[in-house]
Protein backbone atom coordinates (compact mmCIF):
# COMPACT_ATOMS: atom_id res chain seq x y z
CA UNK A 1 -0.24 -3.42 14.82
CA UNK A 2 2.32 -5.71 13.11
CA UNK A 3 4.81 -4.19 10.93
CA UNK A 4 4.48 -5.15 7.19
CA UNK A 5 7.01 -7.34 5.56
CA UNK A 6 9.01 -5.26 3.03
CA UNK A 7 10.31 -8.14 1.29
CA UNK A 8 6.89 -8.88 -0.11
CA UNK A 9 6.63 -5.51 -1.86
CA UNK A 10 6.75 -5.20 -5.61
CA UNK A 11 6.94 -1.27 -6.31
CA UNK A 12 5.84 -1.97 -9.79
CA UNK A 13 2.45 -2.84 -8.22
CA UNK A 14 2.36 -0.02 -6.05
CA UNK A 15 0.02 2.94 -6.75
CA UNK A 16 -1.18 6.26 -4.87
CA UNK A 17 -4.89 7.15 -3.94
CA UNK A 18 -4.18 10.52 -2.68
CA UNK A 19 -1.47 10.81 0.22
CA UNK A 20 -1.55 7.07 0.67
CA UNK A 21 0.25 4.27 -1.26
CA UNK A 22 -1.21 1.05 -1.66
CA UNK A 23 1.09 -2.08 -1.84
CA UNK A 24 -0.24 -5.13 -3.85
CA UNK A 25 1.32 -8.43 -2.15
CA UNK A 26 0.91 -11.74 -2.75
CA UNK A 27 -2.14 -13.36 -4.03
CA UNK A 28 -3.96 -15.19 -1.07
CA UNK A 29 -6.35 -17.14 -2.95
CA UNK A 30 -7.59 -17.02 -6.76
CA UNK A 31 -8.89 -13.41 -7.29
CA UNK A 32 -7.86 -12.20 -4.14
CA UNK A 33 -4.67 -10.09 -3.25
CA UNK A 34 -3.45 -8.86 0.12
CA UNK A 35 -2.80 -5.21 -0.05
CA UNK A 36 -1.19 -2.96 2.61
CA UNK A 37 -1.92 0.87 2.84
CA UNK A 38 0.71 3.43 3.65
CA UNK A 39 0.59 7.04 4.33
CA UNK A 40 3.49 8.74 2.52
CA UNK A 41 5.66 10.93 4.78
CA UNK A 42 8.81 11.23 2.90
CA UNK A 43 11.50 10.73 0.20
CA UNK A 44 11.42 11.16 -3.30
CA UNK A 45 8.63 10.09 -5.48
CA UNK A 46 10.34 8.77 -8.36
CA UNK A 47 10.05 5.14 -8.84
CA UNK A 48 13.58 4.98 -9.93
CA UNK A 49 14.50 5.73 -6.49
CA UNK A 50 14.73 2.94 -3.63
CA UNK A 51 11.79 3.58 -1.09
CA UNK A 52 12.60 3.01 2.58
CA UNK A 53 9.20 1.59 3.92
CA UNK A 54 10.30 2.57 7.66
CA UNK A 55 11.58 6.25 6.63
CA UNK A 56 9.11 7.06 3.82
CA UNK A 57 5.96 5.43 4.86
CA UNK A 58 3.71 4.87 7.81
CA UNK A 59 1.53 1.95 7.90
CA UNK A 60 -2.34 2.61 7.99
CA UNK A 61 -4.19 -0.70 7.24
CA UNK A 62 -3.77 -4.08 5.30
CA UNK A 63 -6.43 -6.16 3.99
CA UNK A 64 -7.58 -8.19 1.04
CA UNK A 65 -9.50 -7.37 -2.09
CA UNK A 66 -10.63 -9.22 -4.92
CA UNK A 67 -9.78 -6.49 -7.61
CA UNK A 68 -7.61 -3.34 -7.95
CA UNK A 69 -11.00 -1.19 -8.31
CA UNK A 70 -12.19 -2.81 -4.82
CA UNK A 71 -8.72 -1.98 -3.38
CA UNK A 72 -8.82 1.67 -4.65
CA UNK A 73 -12.31 2.01 -3.07
CA UNK A 74 -11.18 0.83 0.12
CA UNK A 75 -8.04 2.96 0.04
CA UNK A 76 -10.19 6.13 -0.83
CA UNK A 77 -12.22 5.37 2.37
CA UNK A 78 -8.98 4.81 4.19
CA UNK A 79 -8.03 8.74 3.13
CA UNK A 80 -10.50 10.03 5.48
CA UNK A 81 -9.53 8.00 8.34
CA UNK A 82 -5.74 8.12 7.97
CA UNK A 83 -4.12 9.81 10.82
């Protein structure tokens, strides 16, 4: 699996679903967002800290969703299958 590109991240557009973090990335088409799902493995949970993608997250999956609600459902489904 390819490593995600940390430079695409905007942590203001990152949110948690259980033990997972979901990062919204660049829009790929009108109404669709590219998403990366991570399992949080360490680091402070204060957004003012600078997260390290390699140290604090394990990449679980990535994909596309038409809305935040659809992305949240996909992430919730991934919680059960996360390593």
